[in-house]
Protein backbone atom coordinates (compact mmCIF):
# COMPACT_ATOMS: atom_id res chain seq x y z
CA MET A 1 163.03 60.72 77.01
CA THR A 2 159.62 59.93 75.51
CA ASP A 3 158.89 60.18 71.79
CA THR A 4 156.51 63.08 72.39
CA ALA A 5 159.19 64.92 74.38
CA ALA A 6 161.70 64.29 71.58
CA THR A 7 159.26 65.74 69.06
CA ALA A 8 158.75 68.77 71.29
CA ILE A 9 162.50 69.31 71.52
CA VAL A 10 162.74 69.36 67.70
CA SER A 11 160.08 72.08 67.64
CA LEU A 12 161.90 73.88 70.45
CA GLU A 13 165.15 73.94 68.48
CA ARG A 14 163.40 75.43 65.45
CA LEU A 15 161.93 78.18 67.58
CA ARG A 16 165.24 78.80 69.28
CA ALA A 17 166.99 79.28 65.91
CA SER A 18 164.38 81.87 64.92
CA LEU A 19 164.64 83.71 68.25
CA ALA A 20 168.43 83.76 67.99
CA ASP A 21 168.11 85.98 64.90
CA PRO A 22 164.82 87.82 65.34
CA GLY A 23 165.55 90.57 62.81
CA LEU A 24 165.01 93.48 65.21
CA GLN A 25 168.10 95.56 64.44
CA LEU A 26 166.26 98.74 63.42
CA PRO A 27 165.93 101.21 66.34
CA LEU A 28 162.14 101.37 66.25
CA ASP A 29 160.09 102.05 69.37
CA GLY A 30 160.40 99.07 71.69
CA ALA A 31 162.84 97.20 69.44
CA ALA A 32 165.61 97.10 72.06
CA GLU A 33 163.24 95.62 74.63
CA HIS A 34 162.03 92.98 72.20
CA ARG A 35 165.61 92.14 71.19
CA GLU A 36 166.41 91.55 74.85
CA SER A 37 163.21 89.54 75.22
CA ALA A 38 164.28 87.30 72.33
CA ALA A 39 167.79 86.93 73.80
CA ALA A 40 166.32 86.12 77.22
CA ALA A 41 164.06 83.52 75.62
CA VAL A 42 167.07 81.86 73.99
CA ARG A 43 168.89 81.80 77.33
CA GLN A 44 165.85 80.33 79.05
CA ILE A 45 165.55 77.63 76.40
CA ASP A 46 169.20 76.69 76.97
CA ASP A 47 169.19 77.11 80.73
CA TYR A 48 165.89 75.54 81.59
CA ILE A 49 163.33 74.54 78.95
CA ARG A 50 165.46 72.12 76.93
CA PRO A 51 166.97 70.22 79.91
CA ARG A 52 163.69 70.09 81.79
CA LEU A 53 161.76 68.96 78.72
CA ALA A 54 164.34 66.23 78.20
CA ASP A 55 163.92 64.92 81.75
CA LEU A 56 161.08 65.81 84.10
CA ASP A 57 162.60 63.56 86.77
CA ALA A 58 165.88 65.46 87.02
CA PRO A 59 166.48 67.19 90.39
CA LEU A 60 164.54 70.39 90.95
CA LEU A 61 166.38 73.70 90.97
CA ALA A 62 165.31 76.05 93.77
CA VAL A 63 166.60 79.60 93.48
CA VAL A 64 166.79 81.79 96.56
CA GLY A 65 166.23 85.34 95.33
CA GLY A 66 165.22 88.71 96.64
CA SER A 67 166.11 92.34 97.13
CA THR A 68 169.37 93.86 98.27
CA GLY A 69 169.96 93.32 101.99
CA SER A 70 166.98 91.03 102.46
CA GLY A 71 169.19 88.32 104.01
CA LYS A 72 169.19 85.75 101.18
CA SER A 73 172.70 84.48 101.81
CA THR A 74 172.10 84.31 105.56
CA ILE A 75 169.04 82.15 104.94
CA VAL A 76 170.92 79.89 102.50
CA ASN A 77 173.64 79.39 105.12
CA ALA A 78 170.97 78.57 107.69
CA LEU A 79 169.28 76.06 105.37
CA ILE A 80 172.62 74.28 104.86
CA GLY A 81 173.62 74.60 108.50
CA THR A 82 177.06 76.09 107.90
CA PRO A 83 178.48 79.23 106.28
CA ILE A 84 178.96 78.45 102.59
CA THR A 85 178.18 81.82 101.01
CA ARG A 86 179.52 85.15 102.18
CA VAL A 87 177.33 87.71 103.91
CA GLY A 88 178.10 91.33 104.65
CA VAL A 89 177.02 94.95 104.48
CA ILE A 90 179.09 95.83 101.41
CA ARG A 91 176.91 95.52 98.29
CA PRO A 92 176.74 93.55 96.19
CA THR A 93 177.85 90.66 98.40
CA THR A 94 176.79 87.82 96.09
CA ARG A 95 178.68 88.10 92.80
CA GLN A 96 179.26 84.48 91.92
CA PRO A 97 176.15 82.32 92.21
CA ILE A 98 176.53 79.20 94.34
CA LEU A 99 174.66 75.97 93.62
CA VAL A 100 174.50 73.52 96.53
CA HIS A 101 173.32 69.97 95.86
CA ALA A 102 173.18 66.58 97.54
CA PRO A 103 176.40 64.60 97.01
CA GLY A 104 174.52 61.89 95.12
CA ASP A 105 173.23 64.40 92.56
CA ALA A 106 176.63 65.64 91.42
CA GLN A 107 176.29 64.23 87.89
CA TRP A 108 173.24 66.42 87.25
CA PHE A 109 175.08 69.67 87.89
CA ALA A 110 178.73 69.08 87.04
CA SER A 111 177.93 69.24 83.33
CA THR A 112 176.41 72.14 81.41
CA ARG A 113 173.03 70.41 81.23
CA ILE A 114 171.50 73.50 82.84
CA LEU A 115 172.84 77.06 82.72
CA PRO A 116 175.38 76.18 80.00
CA GLY A 117 176.58 79.78 79.76
CA LEU A 118 178.08 79.67 83.25
CA ALA A 119 181.45 77.98 83.72
CA ARG A 120 181.50 75.32 86.42
CA VAL A 121 183.78 75.82 89.43
CA ARG A 122 184.02 73.21 92.20
CA GLY A 123 183.54 74.83 95.57
CA THR A 124 184.83 73.89 99.00
CA ILE A 125 183.31 74.24 102.44
CA SER A 126 184.93 76.90 104.62
CA ALA A 127 186.91 75.65 107.58
CA SER A 128 185.03 75.02 110.79
CA GLY A 129 184.61 78.20 112.82
CA THR A 130 184.74 80.50 109.79
CA HIS A 131 182.46 83.50 110.22
CA ALA A 132 179.77 83.95 107.57
CA SER A 133 181.30 87.30 106.58
CA ALA A 134 184.44 85.40 105.51
CA ALA A 135 182.79 82.30 104.05
CA GLY A 136 183.24 81.37 100.45
CA ASP A 137 185.31 83.27 97.91
CA THR A 138 185.81 87.02 97.95
CA PRO A 139 183.14 88.64 95.74
CA ALA A 140 184.67 89.58 92.37
CA VAL A 141 182.89 90.91 89.31
CA SER A 142 185.25 88.86 87.12
CA ARG A 143 183.63 85.67 88.42
CA ILE A 144 180.04 86.56 87.62
CA ASN A 145 180.04 84.17 84.66
CA GLU A 146 180.98 81.23 86.91
CA LEU A 147 178.69 78.89 88.80
CA MET A 148 180.23 77.48 91.94
CA VAL A 149 178.97 73.92 92.43
CA LEU A 150 179.14 72.65 95.99
CA PRO A 151 177.95 69.26 97.34
CA HIS A 152 176.59 69.12 100.89
CA GLU A 153 174.86 66.36 102.82
CA ARG A 154 172.31 68.77 104.35
CA VAL A 155 170.71 69.32 100.92
CA PRO A 156 167.95 66.77 100.27
CA ALA A 157 168.39 64.50 97.28
CA SER A 158 166.69 65.52 94.03
CA LEU A 159 166.94 69.21 94.90
CA ALA A 160 169.59 71.90 94.39
CA ILE A 161 169.62 75.35 95.95
CA ILE A 162 171.12 78.44 94.26
CA ASP A 163 172.03 81.60 96.11
CA ALA A 164 171.33 84.27 93.45
CA PRO A 165 172.53 87.90 93.24
CA ASP A 166 170.20 90.74 94.24
CA ILE A 167 167.31 91.33 91.86
CA ASP A 168 167.65 95.09 92.40
CA SER A 169 171.44 95.23 92.60
CA VAL A 170 173.25 98.45 91.79
CA ALA A 171 175.34 96.38 89.36
CA ASP A 172 173.61 95.80 86.00
CA GLU A 173 175.31 92.47 85.49
CA ASN A 174 174.11 91.24 88.89
CA ARG A 175 170.50 92.13 88.12
CA ALA A 176 170.74 90.40 84.74
CA LEU A 177 172.21 87.25 86.29
CA ALA A 178 169.55 87.19 89.01
CA GLY A 179 166.85 87.34 86.34
CA GLN A 180 168.54 84.58 84.34
CA LEU A 181 168.75 82.29 87.38
CA LEU A 182 165.13 82.88 88.37
CA ALA A 183 164.08 82.11 84.77
CA ALA A 184 165.92 78.79 85.04
CA ALA A 185 164.32 77.75 88.33
CA ASP A 186 161.68 75.10 88.95
CA LEU A 187 160.72 76.83 92.17
CA TRP A 188 161.56 80.03 93.98
CA LEU A 189 162.26 80.76 97.62
CA PHE A 190 161.67 84.48 97.56
CA VAL A 191 163.13 86.53 100.42
CA THR A 192 161.82 89.92 101.45
CA THR A 193 161.55 91.87 104.69
CA ALA A 194 158.82 93.49 106.75
CA ASN A 195 160.12 96.89 105.67
CA ARG A 196 160.48 96.16 101.93
CA TYR A 197 157.88 93.56 101.03
CA ALA A 198 155.84 96.09 98.99
CA ASP A 199 158.76 97.26 96.80
CA ALA A 200 157.91 97.34 93.10
CA VAL A 201 160.85 95.36 91.68
CA PRO A 202 160.20 92.12 93.62
CA TRP A 203 156.53 92.21 92.69
CA ARG A 204 157.27 92.52 88.99
CA LEU A 205 159.30 89.32 89.26
CA LEU A 206 156.64 87.61 91.34
CA GLU A 207 154.06 88.50 88.70
CA ASP A 208 156.34 86.90 86.11
CA ALA A 209 156.52 83.81 88.33
CA ALA A 210 152.73 83.66 88.42
CA GLU A 211 152.60 83.97 84.63
CA ARG A 212 154.94 80.97 84.39
CA SER A 213 153.11 78.96 87.08
CA VAL A 214 156.32 78.76 89.10
CA THR A 215 155.97 77.27 92.57
CA VAL A 216 156.91 80.05 94.98
CA GLY A 217 157.61 80.11 98.69
CA VAL A 218 157.98 83.54 100.34
CA VAL A 219 160.27 84.18 103.29
CA LEU A 220 159.27 87.26 105.23
CA ASN A 221 162.53 88.00 107.03
CA ARG A 222 163.48 90.27 109.92
CA VAL A 223 159.95 90.82 111.17
CA PRO A 224 159.95 93.03 114.28
CA PRO A 225 157.92 91.85 117.30
CA GLY A 226 154.21 92.37 116.68
CA ALA A 227 154.66 93.49 113.06
CA ALA A 228 153.53 90.19 111.57
CA GLU A 229 149.92 90.92 112.55
CA ASP A 230 149.93 93.96 110.27
CA VAL A 231 152.21 92.74 107.50
CA LEU A 232 150.96 89.20 106.94
CA PRO A 233 147.38 90.07 105.91
CA ASP A 234 148.63 92.70 103.47
CA LEU A 235 151.31 90.42 102.02
CA THR A 236 148.82 87.56 101.71
CA SER A 237 146.39 89.83 99.87
CA MET A 238 149.07 91.08 97.52
CA LEU A 239 150.11 87.53 96.66
CA ALA A 240 146.51 86.49 96.01
CA THR A 241 145.90 89.50 93.80
CA ARG A 242 148.85 88.48 91.66
CA GLY A 243 147.89 84.86 91.26
CA LEU A 244 150.07 83.47 94.03
CA ALA A 245 147.43 82.69 96.64
CA ASP A 246 148.86 79.20 97.20
CA ALA A 247 152.38 80.48 97.94
CA PRO A 248 153.36 79.61 101.54
CA ILE A 249 154.73 82.46 103.65
CA PHE A 250 157.53 81.68 106.13
CA VAL A 251 157.98 84.32 108.82
CA ILE A 252 161.44 84.77 110.34
CA ASP A 253 161.44 87.11 113.30
CA GLU A 254 164.08 89.75 113.74
CA GLN A 255 166.72 88.14 115.97
CA PRO A 256 170.43 88.26 116.69
CA LEU A 257 172.85 86.07 114.74
CA ASP A 258 175.18 83.68 116.53
CA GLU A 259 178.95 84.05 116.86
CA LEU A 260 179.44 82.81 113.24
CA GLY A 261 176.88 85.20 111.78
CA MET A 262 174.33 82.42 111.45
CA LEU A 263 170.59 82.29 112.11
CA PRO A 264 169.58 79.58 114.59
CA ALA A 265 168.31 76.42 112.90
CA PRO A 266 164.69 76.79 114.19
CA ALA A 267 164.41 80.10 112.29
CA VAL A 268 164.48 78.29 108.94
CA ALA A 269 162.84 75.05 110.03
CA GLU A 270 159.61 75.72 108.11
CA PRO A 271 161.12 76.61 104.71
CA LEU A 272 163.58 73.72 105.07
CA LYS A 273 160.72 71.34 105.80
CA TRP A 274 158.83 72.63 102.74
CA LEU A 275 161.82 72.06 100.47
CA THR A 276 162.59 68.66 101.99
CA GLU A 277 159.02 67.41 101.57
CA ILE A 278 158.97 68.47 97.94
CA ALA A 279 162.33 66.82 97.27
CA GLY A 280 161.25 63.58 98.96
CA ASN A 281 158.03 63.17 96.99
CA ARG A 282 158.65 62.09 93.42
CA VAL A 283 155.06 62.70 92.36
CA GLU A 284 155.15 66.22 93.77
CA ARG A 285 158.53 66.91 92.19
CA THR A 286 157.24 65.81 88.80
CA ARG A 287 154.09 67.85 89.23
CA ILE A 288 156.07 70.98 90.09
CA ALA A 289 158.52 70.41 87.24
CA ALA A 290 155.72 69.84 84.71
CA ARG A 291 153.69 72.78 86.00
CA THR A 292 156.60 75.20 85.81
CA LEU A 293 157.72 73.89 82.42
CA GLY A 294 154.22 74.10 80.99
CA GLY A 295 153.71 77.59 82.37
CA THR A 296 157.08 78.68 81.03
CA ILE A 297 156.27 77.45 77.53
CA ILE A 298 152.87 79.15 77.60
CA ASP A 299 154.58 82.33 78.76
CA LEU A 300 157.17 81.87 76.00
CA ASP A 301 154.34 81.69 73.47
CA ARG A 302 153.03 85.04 74.73
CA ARG A 303 156.46 86.60 74.46
CA VAL A 304 156.98 85.20 70.98
CA ALA A 305 153.70 86.80 69.89
CA LEU A 306 155.03 90.20 71.00
CA ILE A 307 158.38 89.56 69.32
CA ALA A 308 156.52 88.63 66.13
CA GLU A 309 154.63 91.94 66.27
CA ALA A 310 157.91 93.79 66.68
CA ARG A 311 159.36 91.86 63.72
CA GLN A 312 156.33 92.82 61.62
CA ALA A 313 156.92 96.48 62.51
CA GLN A 314 160.51 96.12 61.28
CA LEU A 315 159.38 94.58 58.00
CA ASP A 316 156.71 97.25 57.57
CA TRP A 317 159.32 99.96 58.04
CA ILE A 318 161.60 98.31 55.50
CA VAL A 319 158.76 98.08 52.97
CA GLY A 320 157.88 101.71 53.65
CA ALA A 321 161.46 102.93 53.24
CA ASP A 322 161.80 100.96 50.01
CA ALA A 323 158.50 102.39 48.75
CA ILE A 324 159.62 105.95 49.54
CA ALA A 325 162.84 105.41 47.60
CA ALA A 326 160.88 103.86 44.73
CA ALA A 327 158.55 106.88 44.69
CA ASP A 328 161.50 109.29 44.67
CA TYR A 329 163.13 107.56 41.73
CA GLU A 330 159.80 107.16 39.93
CA LYS A 331 159.37 110.91 40.27
CA ALA A 332 162.84 111.34 38.76
CA ILE A 333 161.91 109.09 35.83
CA GLU A 334 158.73 111.09 35.27
CA ALA A 335 160.73 114.33 35.37
CA VAL A 336 163.12 113.05 32.71
CA GLU A 337 160.23 111.87 30.57
CA ALA A 338 158.58 115.26 30.95
CA ALA A 339 161.78 117.05 29.98
CA THR A 340 162.14 114.85 26.91
CA SER A 341 158.56 115.30 25.75
CA ASP A 342 157.59 118.89 26.58
CA GLY A 343 160.14 120.61 24.36
CA ALA A 344 162.40 121.53 27.26
CA LEU A 345 165.38 119.87 25.61
CA LEU A 346 164.91 122.11 22.54
CA ARG A 347 165.81 125.21 24.52
CA GLY A 348 169.14 126.94 24.30
CA GLU A 349 171.98 125.31 22.41
CA VAL A 350 170.00 122.39 21.01
CA LEU A 351 167.47 124.78 19.48
CA ALA A 352 170.15 127.13 18.21
CA ARG A 353 172.15 124.36 16.56
CA TRP A 354 169.02 122.88 15.01
CA GLN A 355 168.06 126.25 13.60
CA ASP A 356 171.58 126.67 12.27
CA PHE A 357 171.21 123.40 10.49
CA VAL A 358 167.67 123.75 9.24
CA GLY A 359 167.24 127.34 8.05
CA THR A 360 163.53 127.37 7.60
CA SER A 361 162.95 128.45 4.00
CA ASP A 362 165.98 126.62 2.67
CA PHE A 363 164.89 123.49 4.55
CA PHE A 364 161.49 123.51 2.86
CA ARG A 365 163.18 123.72 -0.47
CA LYS A 366 165.34 120.71 0.43
CA VAL A 367 162.31 118.73 1.47
CA GLU A 368 160.58 119.50 -1.83
CA SER A 369 163.61 118.85 -3.98
CA TRP A 370 165.71 115.79 -3.27
CA PHE A 371 168.19 116.58 -5.97
CA SER A 372 168.61 120.09 -4.65
CA ARG A 373 169.32 118.64 -1.18
CA ALA A 374 171.88 116.27 -2.64
CA ARG A 375 173.49 119.11 -4.56
CA ASP A 376 173.68 121.33 -1.47
CA THR A 377 175.19 118.50 0.53
CA VAL A 378 177.87 117.84 -2.05
CA THR A 379 178.59 121.56 -2.39
CA ALA A 380 178.98 121.89 1.37
CA TRP A 381 181.42 119.00 1.31
CA VAL A 382 183.44 120.46 -1.58
CA LEU A 383 183.59 123.92 -0.04
CA GLY A 384 184.55 122.46 3.33
CA ARG A 385 181.67 123.96 5.27
CA PRO A 386 181.11 122.01 8.52
CA ASN A 387 177.86 120.06 8.82
CA PRO A 388 176.15 121.42 11.92
CA VAL A 389 174.10 118.24 12.42
CA ILE A 390 176.99 116.90 14.48
CA ASP A 391 176.65 119.89 16.79
CA VAL A 392 172.95 119.18 17.18
CA GLU A 393 173.66 115.55 18.13
CA MET A 394 176.24 116.65 20.68
CA GLN A 395 173.91 119.22 22.18
CA ILE A 396 171.11 116.64 22.45
CA GLU A 397 173.54 114.25 24.12
CA SER A 398 174.76 116.91 26.53
CA GLY A 399 171.29 118.20 27.36
CA LEU A 400 169.77 114.77 27.89
CA HIS A 401 172.75 113.70 30.01
CA ALA A 402 172.43 116.82 32.18
CA VAL A 403 168.70 116.21 32.77
CA ILE A 404 169.27 112.58 33.79
CA VAL A 405 172.18 113.36 36.14
CA ASP A 406 170.28 116.24 37.73
CA GLN A 407 167.24 114.09 38.41
CA GLY A 408 169.42 111.26 39.71
CA GLY A 409 170.94 113.64 42.25
CA ARG A 410 167.51 114.98 43.21
CA ALA A 411 166.14 111.48 43.77
CA ALA A 412 169.11 110.49 45.94
CA ALA A 413 168.81 113.71 47.97
CA SER A 414 165.06 113.22 48.43
CA THR A 415 165.53 109.61 49.59
CA TRP A 416 168.31 110.71 51.97
CA ALA A 417 166.09 113.43 53.42
CA GLY A 418 163.35 110.84 53.95
CA LEU A 419 165.74 108.61 55.87
CA GLN A 420 166.66 111.47 58.18
CA ARG A 421 163.07 111.76 59.39
CA SER A 422 163.22 108.67 61.63
CA ALA A 423 165.70 107.08 64.02
CA ALA A 424 165.67 103.89 61.94
CA GLY A 425 166.34 105.86 58.77
CA ARG A 426 169.17 107.78 60.39
CA ASP A 427 170.67 104.53 61.59
CA LEU A 428 170.52 103.12 58.07
CA ALA A 429 171.95 106.32 56.62
CA ALA A 430 174.83 106.33 59.10
CA GLY A 431 175.85 102.90 57.84
CA HIS A 432 175.47 103.91 54.19
CA PRO A 433 176.68 107.51 53.71
CA GLU A 434 177.01 106.85 49.98
CA LEU A 435 173.23 107.08 49.67
CA ALA A 436 173.37 110.85 50.25
CA SER A 437 174.04 111.43 46.53
CA GLU A 438 173.98 109.63 43.22
CA SER A 439 176.54 106.87 42.81
CA PRO A 440 180.03 107.92 41.57
CA ALA A 441 179.52 105.97 38.35
CA PHE A 442 176.07 107.39 37.62
CA SER A 443 177.21 110.25 35.38
CA ASP A 444 179.34 107.96 33.24
CA SER A 445 176.57 105.36 33.08
CA ALA A 446 174.12 108.06 32.00
CA ALA A 447 176.50 109.27 29.29
CA VAL A 448 176.89 105.73 27.96
CA SER A 449 173.14 105.20 28.05
CA VAL A 450 172.47 108.42 26.11
CA ARG A 451 175.04 107.56 23.45
CA ASP A 452 173.65 104.04 23.21
CA TRP A 453 170.17 105.47 22.74
CA GLN A 454 171.37 107.79 19.97
CA GLY A 455 173.02 104.82 18.31
CA ALA A 456 169.80 102.82 18.67
CA VAL A 457 167.80 105.65 17.04
CA LEU A 458 170.23 105.71 14.16
CA GLN A 459 169.89 101.95 13.78
CA LEU A 460 166.11 102.32 13.95
CA VAL A 461 166.22 104.76 11.02
CA ARG A 462 168.58 102.50 9.11
CA ASP A 463 166.33 99.47 9.67
CA LYS A 464 163.27 101.45 8.55
CA ALA A 465 164.98 102.52 5.32
CA GLY A 466 164.71 99.04 3.87
CA ALA A 467 163.11 99.80 0.50
CA LYS A 468 165.42 101.13 -2.23
CA ARG A 469 163.44 104.32 -2.73
CA VAL A 470 163.40 105.11 1.00
CA ARG A 471 167.04 104.19 1.37
CA ALA A 472 167.91 106.52 -1.52
CA ARG A 473 166.05 109.38 0.13
CA VAL A 474 167.82 108.78 3.47
CA ILE A 475 171.20 108.64 1.77
CA SER A 476 170.49 111.81 -0.18
CA ILE A 477 169.52 113.69 2.96
CA GLY A 478 172.05 111.99 5.23
CA LEU A 479 171.49 109.25 7.83
CA ASN A 480 172.60 111.52 10.70
CA VAL A 481 170.29 114.29 9.51
CA VAL A 482 167.29 111.96 9.46
CA THR A 483 168.29 110.53 12.85
CA VAL A 484 168.55 113.98 14.41
CA ALA A 485 165.23 114.94 12.86
CA LEU A 486 163.65 111.92 14.56
CA MET A 487 165.18 112.93 17.92
CA ILE A 488 163.76 116.42 17.47
CA VAL A 489 160.32 114.95 16.79
CA VAL A 490 160.65 112.76 19.91
CA PHE A 491 161.38 115.87 21.99
CA ALA A 492 158.95 118.07 20.05
CA SER A 493 155.93 118.44 22.33
CA THR A 494 156.08 122.16 23.10
CA ALA A 495 154.30 122.31 26.44
CA GLY A 496 157.48 123.44 28.16
CA LEU A 497 158.37 126.31 25.84
CA THR A 498 157.13 129.88 25.79
CA GLY A 499 157.25 132.94 23.57
CA GLY A 500 159.71 132.93 20.73
CA GLU A 501 161.08 129.50 21.70
CA LEU A 502 157.60 128.06 21.26
CA LEU A 503 157.26 129.43 17.74
CA ILE A 504 160.74 128.41 16.69
CA ALA A 505 160.76 124.98 18.32
CA GLY A 506 157.27 124.23 17.05
CA GLY A 507 158.24 125.18 13.57
CA SER A 508 161.42 123.17 13.82
CA ALA A 509 159.51 120.09 14.95
CA VAL A 510 157.05 120.50 12.11
CA LEU A 511 159.93 120.73 9.66
CA GLY A 512 161.60 117.65 11.13
CA GLN A 513 158.34 115.72 11.04
CA LYS A 514 157.61 116.85 7.46
CA LEU A 515 161.05 115.66 6.42
CA LEU A 516 160.49 112.26 8.04
CA GLU A 517 156.97 111.91 6.64
CA THR A 518 158.26 112.71 3.18
CA ILE A 519 160.77 109.89 3.53
CA PHE A 520 158.82 107.23 5.48
CA GLY A 521 155.19 108.23 5.47
CA GLU A 522 153.01 109.53 8.33
CA ASP A 523 152.24 106.17 10.00
CA ALA A 524 155.84 105.06 9.86
CA VAL A 525 157.04 108.31 11.45
CA ARG A 526 154.55 107.91 14.27
CA GLN A 527 155.82 104.36 14.84
CA LEU A 528 159.46 105.47 14.70
CA ALA A 529 158.86 108.21 17.28
CA THR A 530 156.97 105.83 19.56
CA GLU A 531 159.70 103.18 19.40
CA ALA A 532 162.47 105.75 19.97
CA ARG A 533 160.65 107.23 22.98
CA ARG A 534 159.93 103.79 24.45
CA ASP A 535 163.60 102.84 24.09
CA LEU A 536 164.69 106.04 25.81
CA SER A 537 162.22 105.47 28.65
CA ASP A 538 163.46 101.93 29.14
CA ARG A 539 167.07 103.07 29.30
CA VAL A 540 166.29 105.88 31.75
CA ARG A 541 164.31 103.50 33.95
CA ALA A 542 167.16 100.98 33.94
CA LEU A 543 169.56 103.73 35.05
CA PHE A 544 167.36 104.84 37.93
CA ASP A 545 166.46 101.30 38.92
CA THR A 546 170.17 100.62 39.34
CA GLU A 547 170.46 103.70 41.55
CA ARG A 548 167.43 102.73 43.61
CA GLU A 549 168.85 99.25 44.10
CA ARG A 550 171.49 100.82 46.33
CA VAL A 551 168.74 101.58 48.85
CA ALA A 552 167.24 98.12 48.42
CA ALA A 553 170.68 96.57 48.95
CA ALA A 554 171.16 98.58 52.16
CA LEU A 555 167.78 97.37 53.40
CA GLU A 556 168.28 93.74 52.37
CA PRO A 557 170.26 92.56 55.44
CA MET A 558 167.40 93.81 57.61
CA ARG A 559 164.98 91.52 55.82
CA PHE A 560 166.92 88.50 57.11
CA GLY A 561 165.43 86.67 60.04
CA ALA A 562 162.32 84.70 60.74
CA THR A 563 159.05 86.14 59.52
CA PRO A 564 156.31 86.88 62.04
CA ASP A 565 154.27 83.99 60.67
CA VAL A 566 157.18 81.59 61.11
CA LEU A 567 157.71 82.73 64.71
CA ARG A 568 154.03 82.27 65.54
CA ARG A 569 153.82 78.92 63.75
CA GLU A 570 156.93 77.52 65.46
CA SER A 571 155.76 78.69 68.88
CA GLN A 572 152.33 77.16 68.33
CA ALA A 573 153.90 73.88 67.19
CA LEU A 574 155.97 73.74 70.37
CA LEU A 575 152.94 74.45 72.52
CA GLU A 576 150.95 71.69 70.82
CA ASP A 577 153.85 69.23 71.16
CA VAL A 578 154.28 69.80 74.90
CA GLN A 579 150.54 69.50 75.38
CA ARG A 580 150.66 66.12 73.66
CA ALA A 581 153.52 65.24 76.00
CA GLY A 582 151.19 66.01 78.90
CA VAL A 583 153.21 68.99 80.15
CA ALA A 584 151.20 72.10 79.24
CA SER A 585 147.43 72.29 79.44
């Protein structure tokens, strides 16, 4: 192996690793086809590109392929001169591919150098006089993953012939194996008939051969007397149109088989001569091997470009799904912020408990007379009257918790509904049913977050009451009272209230703010409210970010795999390396 070939193989292995995990698991349009294309590329690298790149002088592999009933196995038997592969009318006849090689080339094919996914089985020649319909092993689907390797002196050195399954077989596994074998071939001997030469399936494969610059010989089999004059010009034109103008056409007339089910030797003399001349000319063998290899790598580059586009579509979908979830949870955050700033939280029980505590006229008197407030507090304690500020705190906690949990559920439901709008989203949702609602721990986490925020507001008030005079005022009023007053101011924007609630809540907020301003001063109150609101927003965002991360975590495995840029770069590096090695132009 040359240094340039070794460098190319390193690039090939990098590309193979990326193609082995292309990141195309989402069921987007065309994804299944591109997944199969990536898998086929990996097989072709293993079956053909790597071994051929490592040694251009290794024996050529000629695959005999064609449609169902075209007579492939009969022609292979005729090329070898004895029945080695079974023929018959029951389809599919060829289940287990058979590779026939010259005895001196055994070391090239006994190992898994080529077609490593097929187990090697040593074949034997059928006994003399065996009819072709009984030759070889009985077709069995269980043996489709085996490659029977058979030496025979009629095969020219430096060439092996494979009898492949039908390319249009009724059995899916047969069609797949036929495609795999043709993708691993240096040259094709393509068999068709006068009646079926225009069928679509063979021509799709022949077009692929032209794309890969594969050397192709066409056997036109079972040609009725006089039909060649009509068929040959049309077949020649079709080959030229598809880039195969230099493909030789070997005509085999319709004729009876002998007593062993064999074609007479002269019938296959021309294709045998073609194969023998190629095998016997080292320069020609190397040219064919290099041409097919170069064409295959160029074709691989084209396929990789399409796979990269499909990978980009997957990544775009992932980004889009993540963005939709982010927007849903951002909307939930905005809804909570609106509910905590438009006075909505001062409805109902929170407002009632605050009014119970404040009592408008009495509250003004307490604001104007600190000693009177202290006296009233002490009297309430002596008489055993409960301090309703605790009720206000509890109602704020309950109301804020309810808003957060409600919006968390709405965001999860909205994200779930978005996933149901596409096949990829439904596939993701099926694997993660927990995304249909908020997480089981969300309510408890929200409750803890609300209580922590209330504690932080209390600490904020305590920290602000640093001076003795301010501290005395806070103590005289009560730390919890001042803290609740600050919460009321935080929630005090009245855009969400109407009618009587608007008047009462607005007045309550004014009273709370007046109390705080009397204690701390106007600027300090503004700063306290801003800090308390910012802290609440941060805690709410952290809660919803944690919820949204569930979607991101579900999407994360789909991000794994080579990026489109990596695929393109690795493919281009391989192409440049083989060009330096003198293989691809």
